[in-house]
Amino acid sequence: MLEAAIFDLDGLMFDTEPIWVSAWEPAFKEQGLELKPSLVQRFFGMSQSRIDELVAQAYDHDPRAIPAVREHVRIGIDEMLAHGAPKKPGLDELLALLAEKGVPCAVASASPRTLVKMHLRKGDIEAYFSAVIAGDDGLPSKPAPDVFLEAAHRLHAVPVNSLVLEDSPNGILAASAGGFLSVMVPDMVAPTPETRSLATRVCNSLLDVRDLIAQGELG
């Protein structure tokens, strides 16, 4: 029986990843830098501090690199404040089923708390979540399992009976490291052979996850 469900946010609950990805090129262009597209693929699921470290290393600590990252964040947040981000198909149905079954839920996201809370409010789903672990809480970034372990702790659940829902390989690596059940619902990054082997299931949508839980095939 499931004791808890722990949700990533970007790319899993809300279709934010295209917004974040499209903000990288103009941000770096503003600073006179050429974006390295292969670097962006590594950022999914990472905290802002870890992204800062990787960008600084990739650009040999060029003084323009971190300002470019800050500009990227500004562009992305401005876009989401102005237009929001659509919920992923099946999110409402999955949350309703978990509530019906009495399974407590948490968010464990690399995004800052203010942005996480904004999405939950705009999506009218804030009431479903008993805990929020955010990227500015100071915990090690995925693929370390700390954010998921903290979420399970706050929900008084043990990892082996808790389900992590993720769209990124980093998230699945973190869930596996923490001993969680996990489902990957891929967004912009396809599952690798490694993440397929580590995930409990790989699903096409949150509706598929809802169906698996309803049928008793998860937890």
Foldseek 3Di string as FASTA:
>chain_A
DAQAEEEEPDQAFWPQVVLLLVLLQVLQVVLVHGDDVVLVLVCPQWAPVVNLVSQCVVVVNDVSRVSSSVSSVVSSVVVCVVPNTDTFPQPVVLLVLCVVVVHQYEYQYNAAPVVVVVNCVVVVNVVRHPYYHYNPPPDHTFVAQVSVVVRCVSSVHQQCNYEYEEAGLRVLSNSLVRNHAYEHQHGPDDDDPVSCVSHPYYDPGNNVVSVCVVVVNHD
